[in-house]
Amino acid sequence: MSTLDSPPERLRWPRTHRFNLSTKGREAETEYRERIAASRDQSGRASFDAARTAWATAWKLQSEDGLYLSEMVSGSATLPQLLTAMSDSGQTRKDVLDALGRLDDAGMFEHRQLIG
């Protein structure tokens, strides 16, 4: 079957699923924030990019994944909320789903399902 004839990939999570950072996720977000803050002591975009890359390497994630953790640090969020928030950063639906998959696989979330 060709790709065009294939059914669309199912979402891993229903719309009401709440993403909440696990202890590991909170630790990763704290380190991300600290590295970004420290990069401001140096001038230029290169120090910011280097800080994100170093963080991502240490956590075996991608550099933009820190944005998602930062978005969720103040509380849990649903997929529609994350899609809206991350669209302001130029992230597409596919980008968001891919990042959530990576973060979930890395143990960054505790999951909560809304009932009713």
C-alpha atoms as a PDB file:
ATOM      1  CA  MET A   1       0.000   0.000   0.000  1.00  0.00           C
ATOM      2  CA  SER A   2       1.422   3.427  -0.870  1.00  0.00           C
ATOM      3  CA  THR A   3       1.870   6.151   1.700  1.00  0.00           C
ATOM      4  CA  LEU A   4      -0.968   8.182   0.206  1.00  0.00           C
ATOM      5  CA  ASP A   5      -3.320   5.224   0.556  1.00  0.00           C
ATOM      6  CA  SER A   6      -2.316   4.552   4.162  1.00  0.00           C
ATOM      7  CA  PRO A   7      -4.685   5.629   6.910  1.00  0.00           C
ATOM      8  CA  PRO A   8      -3.438   8.532   9.026  1.00  0.00           C
ATOM      9  CA  GLU A   9      -1.337   7.611  12.037  1.00  0.00           C
ATOM     10  CA  ARG A  10      -3.393   7.388  15.235  1.00  0.00           C
ATOM     11  CA  LEU A  11      -2.595   9.732  18.054  1.00  0.00           C
ATOM     12  CA  ARG A  12      -0.996   8.094  21.059  1.00  0.00           C
ATOM     13  CA  TRP A  13      -3.090  10.185  23.424  1.00  0.00           C
ATOM     14  CA  PRO A  14      -6.728  11.304  23.489  1.00  0.00           C
ATOM     15  CA  ARG A  15      -7.452  15.051  23.489  1.00  0.00           C
ATOM     16  CA  THR A  16      -8.249  14.973  27.208  1.00  0.00           C
ATOM     17  CA  HIS A  17      -4.958  13.339  28.156  1.00  0.00           C
ATOM     18  CA  ARG A  18      -2.975  15.533  30.551  1.00  0.00           C
ATOM     19  CA  PHE A  19       0.798  15.668  30.342  1.00  0.00           C
ATOM     20  CA  ASN A  20       2.399  16.301  33.708  1.00  0.00           C
ATOM     21  CA  LEU A  21       6.150  16.326  34.276  1.00  0.00           C
ATOM     22  CA  SER A  22       7.584  13.433  36.237  1.00  0.00           C
ATOM     23  CA  THR A  23      10.391  13.960  38.729  1.00  0.00           C
ATOM     24  CA  LYS A  24      12.847  13.235  35.921  1.00  0.00           C
ATOM     25  CA  GLY A  25      11.028  15.725  33.674  1.00  0.00           C
ATOM     26  CA  ARG A  26      11.205  18.439  36.335  1.00  0.00           C
ATOM     27  CA  GLU A  27      14.924  17.753  36.808  1.00  0.00           C
ATOM     28  CA  ALA A  28      15.522  17.999  33.059  1.00  0.00           C
ATOM     29  CA  GLU A  29      13.536  21.252  32.838  1.00  0.00           C
ATOM     30  CA  THR A  30      15.449  22.774  35.761  1.00  0.00           C
ATOM     31  CA  GLU A  31      18.758  21.907  34.134  1.00  0.00           C
ATOM     32  CA  TYR A  32      17.527  23.282  30.790  1.00  0.00           C
ATOM     33  CA  ARG A  33      16.528  26.578  32.412  1.00  0.00           C
ATOM     34  CA  GLU A  34      19.842  26.824  34.281  1.00  0.00           C
ATOM     35  CA  ARG A  35      21.903  26.168  31.143  1.00  0.00           C
ATOM     36  CA  ILE A  36      19.921  28.735  29.162  1.00  0.00           C
ATOM     37  CA  ALA A  37      20.324  31.309  31.942  1.00  0.00           C
ATOM     38  CA  ALA A  38      24.079  30.643  32.106  1.00  0.00           C
ATOM     39  CA  SER A  39      24.355  31.066  28.329  1.00  0.00           C
ATOM     40  CA  ARG A  40      23.171  34.662  28.721  1.00  0.00           C
ATOM     41  CA  ASP A  41      26.479  35.491  30.417  1.00  0.00           C
ATOM     42  CA  GLN A  42      28.064  35.147  26.982  1.00  0.00           C
ATOM     43  CA  SER A  43      27.027  37.188  23.990  1.00  0.00           C
ATOM     44  CA  GLY A  44      25.533  35.864  20.806  1.00  0.00           C
ATOM     45  CA  ARG A  45      23.229  33.159  19.611  1.00  0.00           C
ATOM     46  CA  ALA A  46      26.052  30.614  19.555  1.00  0.00           C
ATOM     47  CA  SER A  47      26.165  30.376  23.365  1.00  0.00           C
ATOM     48  CA  PHE A  48      22.385  29.815  23.488  1.00  0.00           C
ATOM     49  CA  ASP A  49      22.579  27.110  20.824  1.00  0.00           C
ATOM     50  CA  ALA A  50      25.561  25.486  22.569  1.00  0.00           C
ATOM     51  CA  ALA A  51      23.666  25.415  25.883  1.00  0.00           C
ATOM     52  CA  ARG A  52      20.625  23.787  24.269  1.00  0.00           C
ATOM     53  CA  THR A  53      22.788  21.241  22.462  1.00  0.00           C
ATOM     54  CA  ALA A  54      24.749  20.360  25.623  1.00  0.00           C
ATOM     55  CA  TRP A  55      21.495  19.931  27.552  1.00  0.00           C
ATOM     56  CA  ALA A  56      19.974  17.741  24.838  1.00  0.00           C
ATOM     57  CA  THR A  57      23.077  15.569  24.636  1.00  0.00           C
ATOM     58  CA  ALA A  58      23.138  15.061  28.408  1.00  0.00           C
ATOM     59  CA  TRP A  59      19.472  13.992  28.443  1.00  0.00           C
ATOM     60  CA  LYS A  60      19.566  12.106  25.096  1.00  0.00           C
ATOM     61  CA  LEU A  61      16.864  14.380  23.675  1.00  0.00           C
ATOM     62  CA  GLN A  62      16.676  17.023  20.963  1.00  0.00           C
ATOM     63  CA  SER A  63      17.508  20.637  21.730  1.00  0.00           C
ATOM     64  CA  GLU A  64      13.957  21.904  21.126  1.00  0.00           C
ATOM     65  CA  ASP A  65      12.559  19.405  23.652  1.00  0.00           C
ATOM     66  CA  GLY A  66      13.484  21.791  26.447  1.00  0.00           C
ATOM     67  CA  LEU A  67      10.823  24.190  25.165  1.00  0.00           C
ATOM     68  CA  TYR A  68       8.148  21.568  25.749  1.00  0.00           C
ATOM     69  CA  LEU A  69       9.321  20.855  29.276  1.00  0.00           C
ATOM     70  CA  SER A  70       9.359  24.586  30.015  1.00  0.00           C
ATOM     71  CA  GLU A  71       5.815  24.868  28.715  1.00  0.00           C
ATOM     72  CA  MET A  72       4.645  22.178  31.139  1.00  0.00           C
ATOM     73  CA  VAL A  73       6.654  23.086  34.249  1.00  0.00           C
ATOM     74  CA  SER A  74       3.878  25.208  35.758  1.00  0.00           C
ATOM     75  CA  GLY A  75       1.297  22.436  35.473  1.00  0.00           C
ATOM     76  CA  SER A  76      -0.171  19.723  33.325  1.00  0.00           C
ATOM     77  CA  ALA A  77      -1.370  20.408  29.794  1.00  0.00           C
ATOM     78  CA  THR A  78      -3.517  18.692  27.181  1.00  0.00           C
ATOM     79  CA  LEU A  79      -2.458  18.069  23.602  1.00  0.00           C
ATOM     80  CA  PRO A  80      -4.645  20.924  22.248  1.00  0.00           C
ATOM     81  CA  GLN A  81      -3.104  23.315  24.793  1.00  0.00           C
ATOM     82  CA  LEU A  82       0.404  22.281  23.786  1.00  0.00           C
ATOM     83  CA  LEU A  83      -0.405  22.579  20.084  1.00  0.00           C
ATOM     84  CA  THR A  84      -1.617  26.141  20.622  1.00  0.00           C
ATOM     85  CA  ALA A  85       1.321  27.125  22.820  1.00  0.00           C
ATOM     86  CA  MET A  86       3.963  25.619  20.567  1.00  0.00           C
ATOM     87  CA  SER A  87       2.499  27.021  17.352  1.00  0.00           C
ATOM     88  CA  ASP A  88       3.713  30.414  18.606  1.00  0.00           C
ATOM     89  CA  SER A  89       7.244  28.960  18.442  1.00  0.00           C
ATOM     90  CA  GLY A  90       6.744  27.765  14.877  1.00  0.00           C
ATOM     91  CA  GLN A  91       6.243  24.125  15.859  1.00  0.00           C
ATOM     92  CA  THR A  92       3.869  22.091  13.695  1.00  0.00           C
ATOM     93  CA  ARG A  93       1.437  19.433  14.896  1.00  0.00           C
ATOM     94  CA  LYS A  94       3.896  16.758  13.735  1.00  0.00           C
ATOM     95  CA  ASP A  95       6.737  18.492  15.617  1.00  0.00           C
ATOM     96  CA  VAL A  96       4.641  18.535  18.796  1.00  0.00           C
ATOM     97  CA  LEU A  97       3.615  14.882  18.496  1.00  0.00           C
ATOM     98  CA  ASP A  98       7.194  13.819  17.742  1.00  0.00           C
ATOM     99  CA  ALA A  99       8.527  15.754  20.743  1.00  0.00           C
ATOM    100  CA  LEU A 100       5.847  14.354  23.049  1.00  0.00           C
ATOM    101  CA  GLY A 101       6.754  10.861  21.880  1.00  0.00           C
ATOM    102  CA  ARG A 102      10.457  11.424  22.592  1.00  0.00           C
ATOM    103  CA  LEU A 103       9.743  12.946  25.998  1.00  0.00           C
ATOM    104  CA  ASP A 104       7.335  10.160  26.906  1.00  0.00           C
ATOM    105  CA  ASP A 105       9.825   7.494  25.829  1.00  0.00           C
ATOM    106  CA  ALA A 106      12.474   9.227  27.982  1.00  0.00           C
ATOM    107  CA  GLY A 107      10.227   9.058  31.063  1.00  0.00           C
ATOM    108  CA  MET A 108       9.619  12.803  31.339  1.00  0.00           C
ATOM    109  CA  PHE A 109       5.854  12.523  31.998  1.00  0.00           C
ATOM    110  CA  GLU A 110       3.372  11.316  34.544  1.00  0.00           C
ATOM    111  CA  HIS A 111       0.045  10.811  32.773  1.00  0.00           C
ATOM    112  CA  ARG A 112      -3.403  11.904  33.897  1.00  0.00           C
ATOM    113  CA  GLN A 113      -6.644  11.224  32.063  1.00  0.00           C
ATOM    114  CA  LEU A 114      -9.653  13.478  32.588  1.00  0.00           C
ATOM    115  CA  ILE A 115     -12.837  11.566  33.302  1.00  0.00           C
ATOM    116  CA  GLY A 116     -16.097  12.831  31.847  1.00  0.00           C
END
